[in-house]
Protein backbone atom coordinates (compact mmCIF):
# COMPACT_ATOMS: atom_id res chain seq x y z
CA MET A 1 26.02 -1.48 4.91
CA SER A 2 23.06 -3.34 3.35
CA THR A 3 22.87 -3.76 -0.42
CA PRO A 4 20.09 -1.66 -2.03
CA HIS A 5 17.19 -3.56 -3.54
CA PRO A 6 17.15 -3.53 -7.37
CA ALA A 7 14.52 -1.01 -8.47
CA ARG A 8 11.03 -2.43 -9.06
CA LEU A 9 9.44 1.01 -9.35
CA GLU A 10 10.93 4.44 -9.99
CA LEU A 11 9.08 7.76 -10.14
CA ILE A 12 11.37 10.47 -11.48
CA ASP A 13 10.61 14.20 -11.24
CA ILE A 14 6.84 13.66 -11.29
CA VAL A 15 4.52 16.65 -11.66
CA SER A 16 0.77 16.10 -11.38
CA THR A 17 -1.95 18.75 -11.46
CA TYR A 18 -5.74 18.70 -11.14
CA GLU A 19 -8.63 21.10 -11.50
CA GLU A 20 -10.72 22.22 -8.53
CA GLU A 21 -13.44 24.88 -8.68
CA GLY A 22 -12.03 26.28 -11.90
CA ARG A 23 -8.46 26.49 -10.60
CA ARG A 24 -5.50 24.38 -11.64
CA LEU A 25 -3.74 23.02 -8.55
CA THR A 26 -0.48 21.10 -8.29
CA ALA A 27 -0.67 17.84 -6.32
CA LEU A 28 2.91 16.69 -6.89
CA ASP A 29 5.88 18.78 -7.92
CA GLY A 30 9.22 17.19 -8.74
CA LEU A 31 8.56 14.00 -6.79
CA THR A 32 11.23 11.31 -7.09
CA LEU A 33 10.70 7.97 -5.38
CA ARG A 34 11.84 4.36 -5.74
CA VAL A 35 10.65 1.01 -4.44
CA GLY A 36 13.07 -1.89 -4.62
CA ALA A 37 12.32 -5.51 -5.48
CA ALA A 38 10.85 -7.22 -2.40
CA GLU A 39 10.97 -3.90 -0.51
CA PHE A 40 8.16 -2.58 1.71
CA VAL A 41 7.96 1.22 1.50
CA ALA A 42 5.48 3.35 3.47
CA LEU A 43 4.38 6.85 2.45
CA VAL A 44 3.34 9.30 5.17
CA GLY A 45 2.64 13.01 5.01
CA PRO A 46 0.11 15.75 5.70
CA SER A 47 -3.39 15.48 4.26
CA GLY A 48 -3.43 16.69 0.67
CA SER A 49 0.25 15.94 0.06
CA GLY A 50 -0.54 13.71 -2.91
CA LYS A 51 -0.09 10.25 -1.38
CA SER A 52 -3.13 8.71 -3.07
CA THR A 53 -2.28 10.52 -6.32
CA ILE A 54 1.05 8.69 -6.33
CA LEU A 55 -0.73 5.33 -6.06
CA ASP A 56 -3.17 6.29 -8.83
CA ILE A 57 -0.26 7.23 -11.11
CA VAL A 58 1.58 3.99 -10.38
CA ALA A 59 -1.59 1.96 -11.01
CA GLY A 60 -2.11 3.69 -14.35
CA LEU A 61 -5.37 5.35 -13.30
CA VAL A 62 -3.91 8.86 -13.60
CA THR A 63 -1.40 10.22 -16.11
CA GLN A 64 1.23 12.54 -14.67
CA ASP A 65 1.74 15.93 -16.33
CA SER A 66 5.48 15.34 -16.60
CA GLY A 67 8.16 13.03 -15.31
CA VAL A 68 8.91 9.36 -15.85
CA VAL A 69 7.56 6.20 -14.21
CA ARG A 70 9.81 3.18 -14.66
CA VAL A 71 8.76 -0.37 -13.85
CA ASP A 72 11.64 -2.84 -13.72
CA GLY A 73 13.83 -0.17 -15.28
CA ILE A 74 11.57 0.45 -18.29
CA PRO A 75 9.74 3.79 -18.83
CA THR A 76 5.99 3.20 -18.98
CA THR A 77 2.81 5.00 -19.97
CA ALA A 78 -0.25 4.98 -17.74
CA GLU A 79 -1.92 2.52 -20.14
CA GLN A 80 1.06 0.17 -19.92
CA ARG A 81 0.86 0.23 -16.12
CA LEU A 82 -2.78 -0.79 -15.96
CA GLY A 83 -2.95 -4.26 -14.45
CA ARG A 84 0.77 -4.39 -13.65
CA SER A 85 0.18 -3.83 -9.92
CA ALA A 86 -2.44 -4.90 -7.40
CA TYR A 87 -4.23 -1.98 -5.72
CA MET A 88 -6.15 -2.19 -2.43
CA GLN A 89 -7.96 0.89 -1.18
CA GLN A 90 -9.28 1.75 2.27
CA ARG A 91 -12.78 0.47 1.60
CA ASP A 92 -12.88 -3.28 1.03
CA LEU A 93 -15.17 -2.86 -2.06
CA LEU A 94 -16.54 -6.39 -1.66
CA LEU A 95 -19.51 -7.20 -3.87
CA PRO A 96 -22.48 -7.92 -1.55
CA TRP A 97 -23.90 -10.64 -3.81
CA ARG A 98 -20.65 -12.62 -3.89
CA THR A 99 -19.43 -15.01 -1.22
CA THR A 100 -16.00 -14.79 0.38
CA VAL A 101 -14.53 -17.21 -2.16
CA ASP A 102 -16.15 -15.44 -5.10
CA ASN A 103 -15.02 -12.00 -3.90
CA ALA A 104 -11.48 -13.26 -3.33
CA ALA A 105 -11.42 -14.82 -6.79
CA LEU A 106 -12.44 -11.59 -8.52
CA GLY A 107 -8.88 -10.36 -9.17
CA LEU A 108 -7.93 -13.62 -10.84
CA GLU A 109 -11.09 -13.55 -12.94
CA ALA A 110 -10.27 -10.00 -14.03
CA SER A 111 -6.84 -11.29 -15.07
CA GLY A 112 -8.51 -13.75 -17.43
CA LEU A 113 -8.59 -16.94 -15.34
CA ALA A 114 -11.72 -19.07 -15.65
CA ARG A 115 -14.10 -18.58 -12.73
CA SER A 116 -13.89 -22.20 -11.62
CA GLN A 117 -10.08 -22.06 -11.50
CA ALA A 118 -10.12 -18.68 -9.74
CA ARG A 119 -12.50 -20.03 -7.09
CA GLN A 120 -10.32 -23.09 -6.59
CA ALA A 121 -7.24 -20.91 -6.07
CA ALA A 122 -9.09 -18.67 -3.60
CA GLN A 123 -10.47 -21.66 -1.70
CA ALA A 124 -6.97 -23.09 -1.27
CA GLU A 125 -5.75 -19.85 0.39
CA LEU A 126 -8.60 -19.28 2.86
CA TRP A 127 -6.71 -20.91 5.75
CA ARG A 128 -3.68 -18.67 5.31
CA PHE A 129 -5.84 -15.56 5.51
CA GLY A 130 -7.77 -16.66 8.59
CA LEU A 131 -10.94 -17.33 6.59
CA THR A 132 -11.39 -21.07 7.11
CA GLY A 133 -15.09 -21.83 7.46
CA PHE A 134 -16.16 -18.50 5.93
CA GLY A 135 -15.83 -19.36 2.24
CA ASP A 136 -19.58 -19.35 1.66
CA ALA A 137 -20.31 -16.30 3.82
CA TYR A 138 -21.50 -13.04 2.29
CA PRO A 139 -19.89 -9.67 3.17
CA ALA A 140 -22.84 -8.67 5.39
CA GLN A 141 -22.10 -11.72 7.57
CA LEU A 142 -18.45 -10.76 8.15
CA SER A 143 -16.80 -8.40 10.64
CA GLY A 144 -14.78 -5.43 9.38
CA GLY A 145 -11.53 -7.29 10.01
CA MET A 146 -12.72 -10.36 8.14
CA ARG A 147 -13.87 -8.26 5.21
CA GLN A 148 -10.40 -6.69 5.02
CA ARG A 149 -8.82 -10.16 5.01
CA VAL A 150 -10.99 -11.06 2.02
CA ALA A 151 -9.89 -7.86 0.30
CA PHE A 152 -6.25 -8.69 1.05
CA LEU A 153 -6.68 -12.17 -0.40
CA ARG A 154 -8.31 -10.72 -3.53
CA THR A 155 -5.38 -8.29 -3.86
CA ILE A 156 -2.60 -10.84 -3.35
CA LEU A 157 -4.00 -13.81 -5.30
CA PRO A 158 -3.01 -12.51 -8.77
CA ARG A 159 0.62 -12.54 -7.47
CA ARG A 160 1.60 -9.14 -8.83
CA GLU A 161 5.19 -8.14 -8.12
CA LEU A 162 4.05 -4.69 -6.98
CA ILE A 163 1.22 -4.13 -4.48
CA LEU A 164 -0.30 -0.74 -3.62
CA PHE A 165 -2.13 -0.22 -0.32
CA ASP A 166 -4.08 2.99 0.38
CA GLU A 167 -4.89 3.18 4.11
CA PRO A 168 -6.04 -0.48 4.24
CA PHE A 169 -6.62 -0.34 8.02
CA GLY A 170 -8.01 3.19 8.23
CA ALA A 171 -11.65 2.17 8.79
CA LEU A 172 -10.93 -0.42 11.50
CA ASP A 173 -10.97 -0.11 15.26
CA ALA A 174 -7.59 0.09 17.02
CA LEU A 175 -7.54 -3.53 18.26
CA THR A 176 -8.47 -5.01 14.87
CA ARG A 177 -6.02 -2.71 13.13
CA SER A 178 -3.18 -3.82 15.41
CA GLU A 179 -4.04 -7.49 14.86
CA LEU A 180 -4.12 -7.11 11.08
CA GLN A 181 -0.84 -5.18 11.00
CA VAL A 182 0.91 -8.17 12.62
CA TRP A 183 -0.90 -10.54 10.27
CA LEU A 184 0.04 -8.49 7.17
CA ALA A 185 3.69 -8.38 8.26
CA GLY A 186 3.64 -12.20 8.41
CA ILE A 187 1.92 -12.56 5.03
CA TRP A 188 4.42 -10.19 3.43
CA GLU A 189 7.30 -12.27 4.82
CA GLN A 190 5.91 -15.19 2.82
CA GLU A 191 5.04 -13.27 -0.37
CA ARG A 192 7.93 -10.76 -0.59
CA SER A 193 6.23 -8.60 -3.22
CA SER A 194 7.28 -4.98 -3.56
CA VAL A 195 4.83 -2.87 -1.55
CA LEU A 196 3.98 0.83 -1.51
CA LEU A 197 1.74 1.61 1.48
CA VAL A 198 0.00 4.93 2.12
CA THR A 199 -0.80 5.53 5.78
CA HIS A 200 -1.43 8.39 8.21
CA ASP A 201 -0.27 6.21 11.11
CA VAL A 202 3.45 6.63 11.87
CA GLU A 203 3.51 3.59 14.16
CA GLU A 204 2.00 1.48 11.37
CA ALA A 205 4.63 2.76 8.94
CA VAL A 206 7.50 1.93 11.31
CA PHE A 207 6.08 -1.49 12.17
CA LEU A 208 5.46 -2.64 8.60
CA ALA A 209 8.00 -0.92 6.36
CA ASP A 210 11.64 -1.36 5.42
CA ARG A 211 11.77 2.34 4.53
CA VAL A 212 9.47 5.28 5.23
CA VAL A 213 9.13 8.27 2.88
CA VAL A 214 7.71 11.53 4.23
CA LEU A 215 5.98 13.87 1.78
CA SER A 216 5.82 17.64 2.08
CA PRO A 217 2.55 19.57 2.20
CA ARG A 218 1.00 20.21 -1.23
CA PRO A 219 2.51 20.29 -3.74
CA GLY A 220 3.99 17.01 -2.60
CA HIS A 221 7.61 16.04 -2.94
CA VAL A 222 9.89 13.85 -0.83
CA ALA A 223 10.86 15.89 2.21
CA PHE A 224 12.50 13.14 4.28
CA GLU A 225 13.09 9.40 4.21
CA MET A 226 14.61 6.86 6.53
CA THR A 227 15.44 3.18 6.65
CA ILE A 228 13.71 1.43 9.55
CA SER A 229 16.02 -0.08 12.16
CA LEU A 230 13.85 -3.10 13.00
CA GLY A 231 14.76 -6.57 11.81
CA ARG A 232 12.33 -9.21 10.61
CA PRO A 233 10.12 -11.02 11.35
CA ARG A 234 8.11 -8.28 13.04
CA THR A 235 6.20 -9.04 16.23
CA ARG A 236 4.02 -6.76 18.35
CA SER A 237 6.60 -6.81 21.15
CA LEU A 238 8.83 -4.63 18.95
CA ILE A 239 6.68 -1.54 19.53
CA THR A 240 8.31 -1.04 22.95
CA SER A 241 11.86 -1.62 21.70
CA PRO A 242 14.39 1.26 21.68
CA ASP A 243 14.80 1.01 17.88
CA PHE A 244 11.04 1.29 17.30
CA LEU A 245 10.67 4.23 19.68
CA SER A 246 13.68 5.98 18.17
CA ASP A 247 12.47 5.56 14.57
CA ARG A 248 8.97 6.72 15.50
CA ALA A 249 10.37 9.81 17.24
CA VAL A 250 12.48 10.74 14.18
CA LEU A 251 9.47 10.45 11.86
CA LEU A 252 7.13 12.33 14.19
CA ASN A 253 9.70 15.08 14.43
CA ALA A 254 10.03 15.24 10.64
CA LEU A 255 6.24 15.46 10.25
CA GLY A 256 6.00 18.04 13.03
CA LEU A 257 8.54 20.27 11.33
CA LEU A 258 6.57 20.05 8.08
CA VAL A 259 3.29 20.96 9.77
CA GLU A 260 4.87 23.85 11.64
CA SER A 261 6.59 25.26 8.56
CA PRO A 262 4.73 28.05 6.70
CA ALA A 263 2.96 26.93 3.52
């Protein structure tokens, strides 16, 4: 039996509500979730199950109605969590007037590093992110996949111990998405940050994660979770392996049962 990762992040009995058209709706109800140090956890679930709300709470952008969020074992407020994690959303959010290097350096600048030092750090990492020769290019000159690589570099450069990804490949075509999944798996092997990934793609979750958590329909809570059978490093050939196919089938079945169940 493998030893559990020490907890980097713990969400305990989280309740989160929001207002819509004059009604108070519950996004999360009694959600409990942990991410270990150097653990890659994927969140999947039906639309509206509160996956992005979880990331917003962890990032400190939203305050939960009740429940506790612990970071490295210490209870935190939303304000205390601001800046503690790196957060990459589906859209790359690159600034059109900034070059690749300047966009990648933005996270370091926001952390207080001088612009010249931030640019130097970004320039030194371009090769590792497949961006050699594109440092002076503007976002309009880059493909969708290249833009996402810049966004990944911007996210990872501040070296946060917890990284949040919200559907980072959702806007890409299937071939580019597959290529970047393999690339991200390799980058994570080098970085070993704790990761919480939101995705609608079960294959992506199985391929990238150490553990997959399935959320219930709204109000979201953990309905099912499983440890992925695959070893590391991950290569694309694994998607035809018996372990991959078995894990995918278990998760698809869990999601299917949730969708079929009455609300």
